[in-house]
Amino acid sequence: MQIRPIKTFSAILFACTLTLFSANSWAETNLRCGNSIIGSEATMAEVEAKCGEPAQKRHSTIPAKYKNRWGEWIIDNSETGSEVDEWVYDFGPNKLMVQVRFLDGALQDVKTLGYGN
């Protein structure tokens, strides 16, 4: 039986693409502080215990809303909204800064920013 080079190449390319996307999604929801890796859904207290006090903190509230039958978003003032906290960690001039976003106290997103101060 002869192995077809096109099928082999396609399989290798597909495996490489899956690896790249899975590594990218891992990086967006995990935070590295020193020797600790903090996963998604970690609490604000867990992040602060492992990474220390952030350089910046910002807090806001997203109002509760729903879609009506016409597809329009309606703000529902009778429901409590979601609490959003964004923190920025500055690890120094030779390392990249990191912005972490919490939704209702749980880690939701990690973004890499430019070099720190």
N, C-alpha and C. Protein backbone atom coordinates (compact mmCIF):
# COMPACT_ATOMS: atom_id res chain seq x y z
N MET A 1 0.84 -1.18 0.00
CA MET A 1 0.00 0.00 0.00
C MET A 1 0.89 1.24 0.00
N GLN A 2 0.56 2.18 -0.84
CA GLN A 2 1.35 3.40 -0.98
C GLN A 2 0.68 4.54 -0.21
N ILE A 3 1.47 5.29 0.57
CA ILE A 3 0.95 6.45 1.31
C ILE A 3 0.96 7.65 0.39
N ARG A 4 -0.13 8.32 0.33
CA ARG A 4 -0.24 9.48 -0.55
C ARG A 4 0.32 10.71 0.17
N PRO A 5 1.29 11.39 -0.46
CA PRO A 5 1.92 12.55 0.18
C PRO A 5 0.94 13.67 0.49
N ILE A 6 -0.06 13.88 -0.34
CA ILE A 6 -1.01 14.97 -0.12
C ILE A 6 -1.82 14.72 1.14
N LYS A 7 -2.29 13.51 1.34
CA LYS A 7 -3.07 13.19 2.55
C LYS A 7 -2.20 13.30 3.80
N THR A 8 -0.96 12.85 3.71
CA THR A 8 -0.06 12.95 4.85
C THR A 8 0.21 14.41 5.20
N PHE A 9 0.48 15.22 4.18
CA PHE A 9 0.72 16.65 4.40
C PHE A 9 -0.52 17.32 5.01
N SER A 10 -1.70 16.99 4.50
CA SER A 10 -2.93 17.56 5.03
C SER A 10 -3.14 17.18 6.49
N ALA A 11 -2.84 15.94 6.84
CA ALA A 11 -3.00 15.50 8.23
C ALA A 11 -2.03 16.23 9.15
N ILE A 12 -0.79 16.40 8.70
CA ILE A 12 0.21 17.12 9.50
C ILE A 12 -0.19 18.58 9.66
N LEU A 13 -0.63 19.21 8.59
CA LEU A 13 -1.06 20.61 8.64
C LEU A 13 -2.25 20.77 9.58
N PHE A 14 -3.19 19.87 9.54
CA PHE A 14 -4.35 19.91 10.42
C PHE A 14 -3.94 19.78 11.88
N ALA A 15 -3.03 18.85 12.18
CA ALA A 15 -2.56 18.65 13.56
C ALA A 15 -1.83 19.89 14.06
N CYS A 16 -1.02 20.51 13.21
CA CYS A 16 -0.30 21.72 13.61
C CYS A 16 -1.26 22.87 13.88
N THR A 17 -2.29 22.99 13.06
CA THR A 17 -3.29 24.05 13.24
C THR A 17 -4.03 23.86 14.56
N LEU A 18 -4.43 22.64 14.87
CA LEU A 18 -5.11 22.37 16.14
C LEU A 18 -4.22 22.70 17.33
N THR A 19 -2.95 22.35 17.24
CA THR A 19 -2.01 22.65 18.32
C THR A 19 -1.88 24.15 18.52
N LEU A 20 -1.77 24.88 17.43
CA LEU A 20 -1.63 26.34 17.50
C LEU A 20 -2.86 26.97 18.15
N PHE A 21 -4.05 26.57 17.73
CA PHE A 21 -5.27 27.17 18.29
C PHE A 21 -5.47 26.77 19.74
N SER A 22 -5.15 25.56 20.12
CA SER A 22 -5.33 25.16 21.51
C SER A 22 -4.33 25.89 22.41
N ALA A 23 -3.12 26.12 21.95
CA ALA A 23 -2.14 26.87 22.73
C ALA A 23 -2.57 28.33 22.85
N ASN A 24 -3.15 28.89 21.80
CA ASN A 24 -3.60 30.28 21.83
C ASN A 24 -4.75 30.45 22.81
N SER A 25 -5.71 29.53 22.82
CA SER A 25 -6.83 29.66 23.75
C SER A 25 -6.37 29.45 25.19
N TRP A 26 -5.36 28.59 25.40
CA TRP A 26 -4.82 28.40 26.75
C TRP A 26 -4.21 29.70 27.25
N ALA A 27 -3.48 30.39 26.37
CA ALA A 27 -2.80 31.62 26.78
C ALA A 27 -3.79 32.71 27.15
N GLU A 28 -4.97 32.72 26.57
CA GLU A 28 -5.93 33.78 26.81
C GLU A 28 -6.68 33.63 28.12
N THR A 29 -6.65 32.45 28.72
CA THR A 29 -7.43 32.25 29.93
C THR A 29 -6.58 31.84 31.13
N ASN A 30 -5.27 31.85 30.99
CA ASN A 30 -4.38 31.50 32.09
C ASN A 30 -3.39 32.63 32.32
N LEU A 31 -3.01 32.79 33.57
CA LEU A 31 -2.11 33.86 33.97
C LEU A 31 -0.92 33.24 34.69
N ARG A 32 0.27 33.67 34.31
CA ARG A 32 1.48 33.19 34.98
C ARG A 32 2.04 34.30 35.86
N CYS A 33 2.20 34.00 37.14
CA CYS A 33 2.81 34.92 38.10
C CYS A 33 3.91 34.15 38.82
N GLY A 34 5.16 34.50 38.51
CA GLY A 34 6.28 33.77 39.11
C GLY A 34 6.23 32.32 38.70
N ASN A 35 6.16 31.42 39.67
CA ASN A 35 6.09 29.98 39.40
C ASN A 35 4.66 29.45 39.38
N SER A 36 3.68 30.32 39.54
CA SER A 36 2.28 29.90 39.60
C SER A 36 1.58 30.14 38.28
N ILE A 37 0.72 29.20 37.90
CA ILE A 37 -0.16 29.38 36.75
C ILE A 37 -1.58 29.40 37.29
N ILE A 38 -2.28 30.48 36.98
CA ILE A 38 -3.63 30.68 37.50
C ILE A 38 -4.60 30.45 36.35
N GLY A 39 -5.53 29.53 36.53
CA GLY A 39 -6.46 29.16 35.47
C GLY A 39 -7.72 30.01 35.46
N SER A 40 -8.48 29.83 34.40
CA SER A 40 -9.75 30.55 34.27
C SER A 40 -10.67 30.18 35.42
N GLU A 41 -11.55 31.08 35.75
CA GLU A 41 -12.51 30.95 36.85
C GLU A 41 -11.86 31.10 38.22
N ALA A 42 -10.56 31.44 38.28
CA ALA A 42 -9.93 31.71 39.59
C ALA A 42 -10.57 32.96 40.18
N THR A 43 -10.62 33.03 41.47
CA THR A 43 -11.22 34.20 42.12
C THR A 43 -10.23 35.35 42.19
N MET A 44 -10.75 36.54 42.46
CA MET A 44 -9.91 37.72 42.59
C MET A 44 -8.94 37.54 43.75
N ALA A 45 -9.39 36.93 44.84
CA ALA A 45 -8.52 36.71 45.99
C ALA A 45 -7.38 35.76 45.65
N GLU A 46 -7.64 34.71 44.87
CA GLU A 46 -6.60 33.78 44.46
C GLU A 46 -5.54 34.47 43.60
N VAL A 47 -5.99 35.29 42.66
CA VAL A 47 -5.06 35.99 41.78
C VAL A 47 -4.21 36.96 42.59
N GLU A 48 -4.84 37.71 43.48
CA GLU A 48 -4.09 38.68 44.28
C GLU A 48 -3.10 37.98 45.23
N ALA A 49 -3.48 36.82 45.75
CA ALA A 49 -2.58 36.08 46.64
C ALA A 49 -1.34 35.59 45.90
N LYS A 50 -1.49 35.20 44.64
CA LYS A 50 -0.36 34.66 43.88
C LYS A 50 0.42 35.72 43.11
N CYS A 51 -0.25 36.80 42.71
CA CYS A 51 0.41 37.82 41.87
C CYS A 51 0.69 39.12 42.62
N GLY A 52 0.10 39.30 43.77
CA GLY A 52 0.28 40.55 44.51
C GLY A 52 -0.72 41.61 44.09
N GLU A 53 -0.50 42.80 44.60
CA GLU A 53 -1.38 43.95 44.32
C GLU A 53 -1.16 44.42 42.88
N PRO A 54 -2.23 44.59 42.08
CA PRO A 54 -2.06 45.08 40.72
C PRO A 54 -1.67 46.56 40.69
N ALA A 55 -1.06 46.99 39.59
CA ALA A 55 -0.66 48.39 39.43
C ALA A 55 -1.89 49.28 39.22
N GLN A 56 -2.93 48.74 38.58
CA GLN A 56 -4.16 49.49 38.33
C GLN A 56 -5.36 48.59 38.56
N LYS A 57 -6.44 49.21 39.04
CA LYS A 57 -7.71 48.50 39.21
C LYS A 57 -8.83 49.37 38.66
N ARG A 58 -9.78 48.74 37.99
CA ARG A 58 -10.96 49.46 37.50
C ARG A 58 -12.18 48.56 37.72
N HIS A 59 -13.25 49.14 38.22
CA HIS A 59 -14.48 48.40 38.53
C HIS A 59 -15.65 49.03 37.80
N SER A 60 -16.54 48.20 37.26
CA SER A 60 -17.77 48.70 36.63
C SER A 60 -18.85 47.64 36.75
N THR A 61 -20.06 48.04 36.45
CA THR A 61 -21.20 47.13 36.48
C THR A 61 -21.88 47.12 35.12
N ILE A 62 -22.14 45.94 34.61
CA ILE A 62 -22.88 45.79 33.35
C ILE A 62 -24.33 45.53 33.72
N PRO A 63 -25.26 46.34 33.22
CA PRO A 63 -26.66 46.11 33.59
C PRO A 63 -27.19 44.78 33.03
N ALA A 64 -28.13 44.21 33.75
CA ALA A 64 -28.79 42.98 33.28
C ALA A 64 -29.64 43.34 32.07
N LYS A 65 -29.63 42.49 31.07
CA LYS A 65 -30.43 42.76 29.87
C LYS A 65 -30.87 41.45 29.24
N TYR A 66 -31.85 41.56 28.38
CA TYR A 66 -32.37 40.40 27.67
C TYR A 66 -32.85 40.85 26.30
N LYS A 67 -33.05 39.87 25.41
CA LYS A 67 -33.57 40.17 24.07
C LYS A 67 -35.08 39.96 24.07
N ASN A 68 -35.81 40.93 23.53
CA ASN A 68 -37.25 40.75 23.39
C ASN A 68 -37.54 39.92 22.13
N ARG A 69 -38.81 39.71 21.84
CA ARG A 69 -39.16 38.84 20.71
C ARG A 69 -38.79 39.43 19.35
N TRP A 70 -38.46 40.71 19.30
CA TRP A 70 -38.03 41.35 18.05
C TRP A 70 -36.50 41.39 17.93
N GLY A 71 -35.83 40.81 18.90
CA GLY A 71 -34.37 40.75 18.86
C GLY A 71 -33.68 41.99 19.40
N GLU A 72 -34.41 42.87 20.06
CA GLU A 72 -33.83 44.08 20.62
C GLU A 72 -33.37 43.81 22.06
N TRP A 73 -32.24 44.40 22.44
CA TRP A 73 -31.75 44.26 23.81
C TRP A 73 -32.48 45.24 24.72
N ILE A 74 -33.03 44.74 25.81
CA ILE A 74 -33.76 45.54 26.79
C ILE A 74 -33.02 45.46 28.13
N ILE A 75 -32.74 46.61 28.73
CA ILE A 75 -32.12 46.64 30.05
C ILE A 75 -33.19 46.34 31.09
N ASP A 76 -32.89 45.39 31.96
CA ASP A 76 -33.83 44.96 33.00
C ASP A 76 -33.36 45.52 34.34
N ASN A 77 -33.94 46.62 34.79
CA ASN A 77 -33.54 47.25 36.05
C ASN A 77 -33.98 46.48 37.28
N SER A 78 -34.86 45.50 37.12
CA SER A 78 -35.31 44.72 38.27
C SER A 78 -34.29 43.64 38.64
N GLU A 79 -33.33 43.36 37.77
CA GLU A 79 -32.29 42.36 38.03
C GLU A 79 -30.96 43.05 38.31
N THR A 80 -30.14 42.43 39.14
CA THR A 80 -28.81 42.98 39.37
C THR A 80 -27.91 42.62 38.20
N GLY A 81 -27.03 43.53 37.84
CA GLY A 81 -26.13 43.32 36.72
C GLY A 81 -24.91 42.51 37.12
N SER A 82 -23.98 42.43 36.21
CA SER A 82 -22.73 41.71 36.45
C SER A 82 -21.64 42.69 36.84
N GLU A 83 -20.82 42.29 37.79
CA GLU A 83 -19.70 43.11 38.25
C GLU A 83 -18.47 42.78 37.40
N VAL A 84 -17.83 43.81 36.85
CA VAL A 84 -16.64 43.64 36.02
C VAL A 84 -15.48 44.36 36.68
N ASP A 85 -14.38 43.64 36.86
CA ASP A 85 -13.16 44.23 37.40
C ASP A 85 -12.03 43.97 36.42
N GLU A 86 -11.27 45.02 36.11
CA GLU A 86 -10.10 44.89 35.25
C GLU A 86 -8.87 45.36 36.03
N TRP A 87 -7.87 44.49 36.06
CA TRP A 87 -6.63 44.78 36.76
C TRP A 87 -5.49 44.75 35.76
N VAL A 88 -4.49 45.59 36.01
CA VAL A 88 -3.27 45.57 35.19
C VAL A 88 -2.09 45.28 36.11
N TYR A 89 -1.30 44.28 35.72
CA TYR A 89 -0.08 43.95 36.42
C TYR A 89 1.11 44.43 35.60
N ASP A 90 2.00 45.19 36.25
CA ASP A 90 3.22 45.68 35.63
C ASP A 90 4.38 44.95 36.28
N PHE A 91 4.98 44.01 35.53
CA PHE A 91 6.05 43.18 36.08
C PHE A 91 7.44 43.77 35.85
N GLY A 92 7.52 45.01 35.39
CA GLY A 92 8.81 45.67 35.21
C GLY A 92 9.14 45.92 33.75
N PRO A 93 10.23 46.67 33.50
CA PRO A 93 10.55 47.12 32.14
C PRO A 93 10.98 46.00 31.19
N ASN A 94 11.42 44.88 31.70
CA ASN A 94 11.88 43.79 30.83
C ASN A 94 10.82 42.71 30.63
N LYS A 95 9.62 42.95 31.17
CA LYS A 95 8.53 41.97 31.04
C LYS A 95 7.27 42.66 30.53
N LEU A 96 6.41 41.88 29.92
CA LEU A 96 5.15 42.42 29.40
C LEU A 96 4.14 42.62 30.53
N MET A 97 3.37 43.70 30.42
CA MET A 97 2.27 43.92 31.36
C MET A 97 1.12 43.01 30.97
N VAL A 98 0.27 42.73 31.94
CA VAL A 98 -0.86 41.83 31.72
C VAL A 98 -2.11 42.49 32.27
N GLN A 99 -3.19 42.44 31.49
CA GLN A 99 -4.50 42.92 31.95
C GLN A 99 -5.38 41.70 32.17
N VAL A 100 -5.95 41.60 33.38
CA VAL A 100 -6.85 40.50 33.69
C VAL A 100 -8.25 41.06 33.89
N ARG A 101 -9.25 40.31 33.44
CA ARG A 101 -10.65 40.75 33.54
C ARG A 101 -11.42 39.70 34.32
N PHE A 102 -12.14 40.17 35.32
CA PHE A 102 -12.98 39.31 36.15
C PHE A 102 -14.44 39.64 35.88
N LEU A 103 -15.27 38.64 35.80
CA LEU A 103 -16.71 38.82 35.68
C LEU A 103 -17.35 38.16 36.89
N ASP A 104 -18.01 38.98 37.69
CA ASP A 104 -18.62 38.51 38.94
C ASP A 104 -17.61 37.78 39.82
N GLY A 105 -16.38 38.31 39.86
CA GLY A 105 -15.35 37.79 40.75
C GLY A 105 -14.53 36.62 40.23
N ALA A 106 -14.82 36.13 39.02
CA ALA A 106 -14.10 34.99 38.46
C ALA A 106 -13.28 35.44 37.24
N LEU A 107 -12.06 34.94 37.13
CA LEU A 107 -11.17 35.30 36.02
C LEU A 107 -11.78 34.86 34.69
N GLN A 108 -11.91 35.81 33.76
CA GLN A 108 -12.52 35.51 32.47
C GLN A 108 -11.56 35.68 31.29
N ASP A 109 -10.63 36.64 31.39
CA ASP A 109 -9.81 36.96 30.23
C ASP A 109 -8.46 37.49 30.69
N VAL A 110 -7.43 37.15 29.93
CA VAL A 110 -6.08 37.65 30.19
C VAL A 110 -5.53 38.20 28.89
N LYS A 111 -5.08 39.45 28.90
CA LYS A 111 -4.51 40.10 27.72
C LYS A 111 -3.09 40.53 28.01
N THR A 112 -2.22 40.33 27.05
CA THR A 112 -0.85 40.79 27.16
C THR A 112 -0.77 42.20 26.58
N LEU A 113 -0.17 43.11 27.33
CA LEU A 113 0.00 44.49 26.88
C LEU A 113 1.46 44.71 26.52
N GLY A 114 1.88 45.96 26.39
CA GLY A 114 3.26 46.27 26.08
C GLY A 114 4.17 46.07 27.28
N TYR A 115 5.45 46.43 27.09
CA TYR A 115 6.42 46.29 28.18
C TYR A 115 6.09 47.26 29.30
N GLY A 116 6.42 46.85 30.51
CA GLY A 116 6.11 47.63 31.70
C GLY A 116 7.07 48.76 31.95
N ASN A 117 6.90 49.40 33.09
CA ASN A 117 7.73 50.54 33.47
C ASN A 117 8.78 50.13 34.49
